[in-house]
Amino acid sequence: MPLKKGSSQSVVNIINIKTFVDDWKKDGSIGISHPSTKEKAVKQAVAIVLTKAGKSRNAHAGA
């Protein structure tokens, strides 16, 4: 499933993050990196989704 595009809250949601984590579960990698644990994979997925939406993690955490 392709990622949703945009910068709204609906884009930065569990569906886009779940897409990356599911990819990690299948082949052990997110993009070109290989997070060793699920926790690291989730953190990296959140960072990627926020970057693609043009937001920072700190601004998102407070919202």
PDB file of N, CA and C in Angstrom:
ATOM      1  N   MET A   1       0.844  -1.170   0.000  1.00  0.00           N
ATOM      2  CA  MET A   1       0.000   0.000   0.000  1.00  0.00           C
ATOM      3  C   MET A   1       0.893   1.238   0.000  1.00  0.00           C
ATOM      4  N   PRO A   2       0.676   2.162  -0.946  1.00  0.00           N
ATOM      5  CA  PRO A   2       1.485   3.383  -0.956  1.00  0.00           C
ATOM      6  C   PRO A   2       1.105   4.296   0.199  1.00  0.00           C
ATOM      7  N   LEU A   3       2.049   5.123   0.571  1.00  0.00           N
ATOM      8  CA  LEU A   3       1.800   6.071   1.649  1.00  0.00           C
ATOM      9  C   LEU A   3       0.860   7.169   1.182  1.00  0.00           C
ATOM     10  N   LYS A   4       0.040   7.672   2.107  1.00  0.00           N
ATOM     11  CA  LYS A   4      -0.796   8.824   1.800  1.00  0.00           C
ATOM     12  C   LYS A   4       0.098  10.046   1.747  1.00  0.00           C
ATOM     13  N   LYS A   5      -0.237  11.011   0.904  1.00  0.00           N
ATOM     14  CA  LYS A   5       0.559  12.217   0.747  1.00  0.00           C
ATOM     15  C   LYS A   5      -0.138  13.393   1.414  1.00  0.00           C
ATOM     16  N   GLY A   6       0.656  14.381   1.852  1.00  0.00           N
ATOM     17  CA  GLY A   6       0.110  15.586   2.454  1.00  0.00           C
ATOM     18  C   GLY A   6       0.718  15.857   3.806  1.00  0.00           C
ATOM     19  N   SER A   7       0.225  16.919   4.448  1.00  0.00           N
ATOM     20  CA  SER A   7       0.792  17.287   5.744  1.00  0.00           C
ATOM     21  C   SER A   7      -0.274  17.364   6.838  1.00  0.00           C
ATOM     22  N   SER A   8      -1.470  16.898   6.553  1.00  0.00           N
ATOM     23  CA  SER A   8      -2.528  16.966   7.558  1.00  0.00           C
ATOM     24  C   SER A   8      -2.368  15.856   8.599  1.00  0.00           C
ATOM     25  N   GLN A   9      -3.121  15.969   9.670  1.00  0.00           N
ATOM     26  CA  GLN A   9      -3.051  14.978  10.747  1.00  0.00           C
ATOM     27  C   GLN A   9      -3.473  13.603  10.254  1.00  0.00           C
ATOM     28  N   SER A  10      -4.411  13.569   9.302  1.00  0.00           N
ATOM     29  CA  SER A  10      -4.863  12.270   8.796  1.00  0.00           C
ATOM     30  C   SER A  10      -3.762  11.548   8.031  1.00  0.00           C
ATOM     31  N   VAL A  11      -2.795  12.293   7.511  1.00  0.00           N
ATOM     32  CA  VAL A  11      -1.672  11.673   6.807  1.00  0.00           C
ATOM     33  C   VAL A  11      -0.672  11.110   7.805  1.00  0.00           C
ATOM     34  N   VAL A  12      -0.421  11.862   8.869  1.00  0.00           N
ATOM     35  CA  VAL A  12       0.523  11.421   9.894  1.00  0.00           C
ATOM     36  C   VAL A  12      -0.283  10.573  10.872  1.00  0.00           C
ATOM     37  N   ASN A  13      -0.591   9.382  10.480  1.00  0.00           N
ATOM     38  CA  ASN A  13      -1.444   8.540  11.312  1.00  0.00           C
ATOM     39  C   ASN A  13      -0.888   7.130  11.392  1.00  0.00           C
ATOM     40  N   ILE A  14      -1.622   6.293  12.037  1.00  0.00           N
ATOM     41  CA  ILE A  14      -1.177   4.929  12.285  1.00  0.00           C
ATOM     42  C   ILE A  14      -1.082   4.117  11.000  1.00  0.00           C
ATOM     43  N   ILE A  15      -1.866   4.470   9.968  1.00  0.00           N
ATOM     44  CA  ILE A  15      -1.849   3.689   8.731  1.00  0.00           C
ATOM     45  C   ILE A  15      -0.494   3.801   8.030  1.00  0.00           C
ATOM     46  N   ASN A  16       0.034   5.024   7.895  1.00  0.00           N
ATOM     47  CA  ASN A  16       1.329   5.183   7.248  1.00  0.00           C
ATOM     48  C   ASN A  16       2.443   4.547   8.079  1.00  0.00           C
ATOM     49  N   ILE A  17       2.384   4.679   9.380  1.00  0.00           N
ATOM     50  CA  ILE A  17       3.397   4.070  10.246  1.00  0.00           C
ATOM     51  C   ILE A  17       3.294   2.555  10.169  1.00  0.00           C
ATOM     52  N   LYS A  18       2.070   2.044  10.180  1.00  0.00           N
ATOM     53  CA  LYS A  18       1.855   0.599  10.093  1.00  0.00           C
ATOM     54  C   LYS A  18       2.389   0.044   8.779  1.00  0.00           C
ATOM     55  N   THR A  19       2.300   0.807   7.705  1.00  0.00           N
ATOM     56  CA  THR A  19       2.827   0.371   6.413  1.00  0.00           C
ATOM     57  C   THR A  19       4.327   0.095   6.520  1.00  0.00           C
ATOM     58  N   PHE A  20       5.072   0.996   7.143  1.00  0.00           N
ATOM     59  CA  PHE A  20       6.515   0.809   7.302  1.00  0.00           C
ATOM     60  C   PHE A  20       6.832  -0.362   8.227  1.00  0.00           C
ATOM     61  N   VAL A  21       6.102  -0.479   9.323  1.00  0.00           N
ATOM     62  CA  VAL A  21       6.368  -1.567  10.272  1.00  0.00           C
ATOM     63  C   VAL A  21       6.039  -2.917   9.635  1.00  0.00           C
ATOM     64  N   ASP A  22       4.978  -2.978   8.849  1.00  0.00           N
ATOM     65  CA  ASP A  22       4.659  -4.222   8.137  1.00  0.00           C
ATOM     66  C   ASP A  22       5.766  -4.595   7.161  1.00  0.00           C
ATOM     67  N   ASP A  23       6.326  -3.594   6.473  1.00  0.00           N
ATOM     68  CA  ASP A  23       7.459  -3.860   5.581  1.00  0.00           C
ATOM     69  C   ASP A  23       8.644  -4.395   6.366  1.00  0.00           C
ATOM     70  N   TRP A  24       8.875  -3.834   7.557  1.00  0.00           N
ATOM     71  CA  TRP A  24       9.988  -4.299   8.384  1.00  0.00           C
ATOM     72  C   TRP A  24       9.771  -5.750   8.802  1.00  0.00           C
ATOM     73  N   LYS A  25       8.519  -6.092   9.149  1.00  0.00           N
ATOM     74  CA  LYS A  25       8.216  -7.464   9.554  1.00  0.00           C
ATOM     75  C   LYS A  25       8.456  -8.453   8.415  1.00  0.00           C
ATOM     76  N   LYS A  26       8.161  -8.031   7.184  1.00  0.00           N
ATOM     77  CA  LYS A  26       8.308  -8.919   6.032  1.00  0.00           C
ATOM     78  C   LYS A  26       9.766  -9.194   5.691  1.00  0.00           C
ATOM     79  N   ASP A  27      10.556  -8.134   5.560  1.00  0.00           N
ATOM     80  CA  ASP A  27      11.921  -8.344   5.086  1.00  0.00           C
ATOM     81  C   ASP A  27      13.013  -7.823   6.008  1.00  0.00           C
ATOM     82  N   GLY A  28      12.637  -7.299   7.170  1.00  0.00           N
ATOM     83  CA  GLY A  28      13.641  -6.877   8.146  1.00  0.00           C
ATOM     84  C   GLY A  28      14.287  -5.540   7.850  1.00  0.00           C
ATOM     85  N   SER A  29      13.712  -4.774   6.923  1.00  0.00           N
ATOM     86  CA  SER A  29      14.309  -3.484   6.618  1.00  0.00           C
ATOM     87  C   SER A  29      13.228  -2.436   6.376  1.00  0.00           C
ATOM     88  N   ILE A  30      13.605  -1.206   6.643  1.00  0.00           N
ATOM     89  CA  ILE A  30      12.788  -0.050   6.302  1.00  0.00           C
ATOM     90  C   ILE A  30      13.669   0.791   5.400  1.00  0.00           C
ATOM     91  N   GLY A  31      13.336   0.818   4.144  1.00  0.00           N
ATOM     92  CA  GLY A  31      14.187   1.506   3.179  1.00  0.00           C
ATOM     93  C   GLY A  31      15.502   0.763   3.069  1.00  0.00           C
ATOM     94  N   ILE A  32      16.607   1.458   3.343  1.00  0.00           N
ATOM     95  CA  ILE A  32      17.909   0.817   3.253  1.00  0.00           C
ATOM     96  C   ILE A  32      18.477   0.431   4.614  1.00  0.00           C
ATOM     97  N   SER A  33      17.782   0.779   5.692  1.00  0.00           N
ATOM     98  CA  SER A  33      18.274   0.436   7.023  1.00  0.00           C
ATOM     99  C   SER A  33      17.597  -0.824   7.541  1.00  0.00           C
ATOM    100  N   HIS A  34      18.206  -1.427   8.527  1.00  0.00           N
ATOM    101  CA  HIS A  34      17.719  -2.679   9.102  1.00  0.00           C
ATOM    102  C   HIS A  34      17.624  -2.572  10.616  1.00  0.00           C
ATOM    103  N   PRO A  35      16.537  -1.969  11.141  1.00  0.00           N
ATOM    104  CA  PRO A  35      16.382  -1.859  12.592  1.00  0.00           C
ATOM    105  C   PRO A  35      16.344  -3.245  13.233  1.00  0.00           C
ATOM    106  N   SER A  36      17.016  -3.384  14.359  1.00  0.00           N
ATOM    107  CA  SER A  36      17.141  -4.705  14.981  1.00  0.00           C
ATOM    108  C   SER A  36      15.920  -5.105  15.799  1.00  0.00           C
ATOM    109  N   THR A  37      15.161  -4.138  16.301  1.00  0.00           N
ATOM    110  CA  THR A  37      13.992  -4.455  17.123  1.00  0.00           C
ATOM    111  C   THR A  37      12.760  -3.740  16.578  1.00  0.00           C
ATOM    112  N   LYS A  38      11.597  -4.200  17.013  1.00  0.00           N
ATOM    113  CA  LYS A  38      10.351  -3.572  16.582  1.00  0.00           C
ATOM    114  C   LYS A  38      10.271  -2.147  17.093  1.00  0.00           C
ATOM    115  N   GLU A  39      10.738  -1.910  18.307  1.00  0.00           N
ATOM    116  CA  GLU A  39      10.718  -0.564  18.878  1.00  0.00           C
ATOM    117  C   GLU A  39      11.510   0.412  18.009  1.00  0.00           C
ATOM    118  N   LYS A  40      12.694   0.001  17.565  1.00  0.00           N
ATOM    119  CA  LYS A  40      13.506   0.852  16.703  1.00  0.00           C
ATOM    120  C   LYS A  40      12.846   1.036  15.341  1.00  0.00           C
ATOM    121  N   ALA A  41      12.195  -0.005  14.846  1.00  0.00           N
ATOM    122  CA  ALA A  41      11.500   0.086  13.558  1.00  0.00           C
ATOM    123  C   ALA A  41      10.347   1.085  13.642  1.00  0.00           C
ATOM    124  N   VAL A  42       9.606   1.070  14.746  1.00  0.00           N
ATOM    125  CA  VAL A  42       8.491   2.005  14.917  1.00  0.00           C
ATOM    126  C   VAL A  42       9.009   3.438  15.008  1.00  0.00           C
ATOM    127  N   LYS A  43      10.075   3.650  15.765  1.00  0.00           N
ATOM    128  CA  LYS A  43      10.643   4.993  15.892  1.00  0.00           C
ATOM    129  C   LYS A  43      11.102   5.515  14.534  1.00  0.00           C
ATOM    130  N   GLN A  44      11.728   4.649  13.749  1.00  0.00           N
ATOM    131  CA  GLN A  44      12.194   5.064  12.442  1.00  0.00           C
ATOM    132  C   GLN A  44      11.006   5.332  11.509  1.00  0.00           C
ATOM    133  N   ALA A  45       9.973   4.516  11.599  1.00  0.00           N
ATOM    134  CA  ALA A  45       8.784   4.716  10.773  1.00  0.00           C
ATOM    135  C   ALA A  45       8.132   6.057  11.092  1.00  0.00           C
ATOM    136  N   VAL A  46       8.033   6.399  12.368  1.00  0.00           N
ATOM    137  CA  VAL A  46       7.451   7.681  12.768  1.00  0.00           C
ATOM    138  C   VAL A  46       8.289   8.825  12.195  1.00  0.00           C
ATOM    139  N   ALA A  47       9.594   8.713  12.291  1.00  0.00           N
ATOM    140  CA  ALA A  47      10.470   9.757  11.768  1.00  0.00           C
ATOM    141  C   ALA A  47      10.295   9.918  10.258  1.00  0.00           C
ATOM    142  N   ILE A  48      10.192   8.833   9.537  1.00  0.00           N
ATOM    143  CA  ILE A  48      10.027   8.901   8.085  1.00  0.00           C
ATOM    144  C   ILE A  48       8.693   9.533   7.722  1.00  0.00           C
ATOM    145  N   VAL A  49       7.627   9.106   8.391  1.00  0.00           N
ATOM    146  CA  VAL A  49       6.298   9.637   8.083  1.00  0.00           C
ATOM    147  C   VAL A  49       6.243  11.131   8.373  1.00  0.00           C
ATOM    148  N   LEU A  50       6.785  11.564   9.489  1.00  0.00           N
ATOM    149  CA  LEU A  50       6.773  12.989   9.818  1.00  0.00           C
ATOM    150  C   LEU A  50       7.622  13.794   8.836  1.00  0.00           C
ATOM    151  N   THR A  51       8.747  13.238   8.424  1.00  0.00           N
ATOM    152  CA  THR A  51       9.597  13.923   7.453  1.00  0.00           C
ATOM    153  C   THR A  51       8.875  14.084   6.128  1.00  0.00           C
ATOM    154  N   LYS A  52       8.217  13.033   5.680  1.00  0.00           N
ATOM    155  CA  LYS A  52       7.480  13.107   4.418  1.00  0.00           C
ATOM    156  C   LYS A  52       6.323  14.098   4.503  1.00  0.00           C
ATOM    157  N   ALA A  53       5.760  14.282   5.681  1.00  0.00           N
ATOM    158  CA  ALA A  53       4.671  15.240   5.869  1.00  0.00           C
ATOM    159  C   ALA A  53       5.196  16.657   6.092  1.00  0.00           C
ATOM    160  N   GLY A  54       6.507  16.810   6.214  1.00  0.00           N
ATOM    161  CA  GLY A  54       7.098  18.130   6.417  1.00  0.00           C
ATOM    162  C   GLY A  54       6.946  18.643   7.822  1.00  0.00           C
ATOM    163  N   LYS A  55       6.909  17.753   8.801  1.00  0.00           N
ATOM    164  CA  LYS A  55       6.756  18.139  10.199  1.00  0.00           C
ATOM    165  C   LYS A  55       7.929  17.605  11.005  1.00  0.00           C
ATOM    166  N   SER A  56       8.087  18.144  12.219  1.00  0.00           N
ATOM    167  CA  SER A  56       9.121  17.630  13.102  1.00  0.00           C
ATOM    168  C   SER A  56       8.487  16.815  14.211  1.00  0.00           C
ATOM    169  N   ARG A  57       9.246  15.965  14.825  1.00  0.00           N
ATOM    170  CA  ARG A  57       8.720  15.111  15.887  1.00  0.00           C
ATOM    171  C   ARG A  57       8.293  15.920  17.091  1.00  0.00           C
ATOM    172  N   ASN A  58       9.061  16.941  17.435  1.00  0.00           N
ATOM    173  CA  ASN A  58       8.733  17.761  18.602  1.00  0.00           C
ATOM    174  C   ASN A  58       7.453  18.546  18.398  1.00  0.00           C
ATOM    175  N   ALA A  59       7.217  19.070  17.219  1.00  0.00           N
ATOM    176  CA  ALA A  59       5.988  19.813  16.954  1.00  0.00           C
ATOM    177  C   ALA A  59       4.788  18.866  16.971  1.00  0.00           C
ATOM    178  N   HIS A  60       4.975  17.651  16.508  1.00  0.00           N
ATOM    179  CA  HIS A  60       3.890  16.684  16.466  1.00  0.00           C
ATOM    180  C   HIS A  60       3.527  16.188  17.873  1.00  0.00           C
ATOM    181  N   ALA A  61       4.519  16.026  18.725  1.00  0.00           N
ATOM    182  CA  ALA A  61       4.281  15.503  20.059  1.00  0.00           C
ATOM    183  C   ALA A  61       3.413  16.457  20.887  1.00  0.00           C
ATOM    184  N   GLY A  62       3.573  17.749  20.661  1.00  0.00           N
ATOM    185  CA  GLY A  62       2.808  18.721  21.413  1.00  0.00           C
ATOM    186  C   GLY A  62       1.411  18.945  20.882  1.00  0.00           C
ATOM    187  N   ALA A  63       1.166  18.503  19.674  1.00  0.00           N
ATOM    188  CA  ALA A  63      -0.151  18.761  19.057  1.00  0.00           C
ATOM    189  C   ALA A  63      -1.187  17.749  19.446  1.00  0.00           C
TER     190      ALA A  63
END
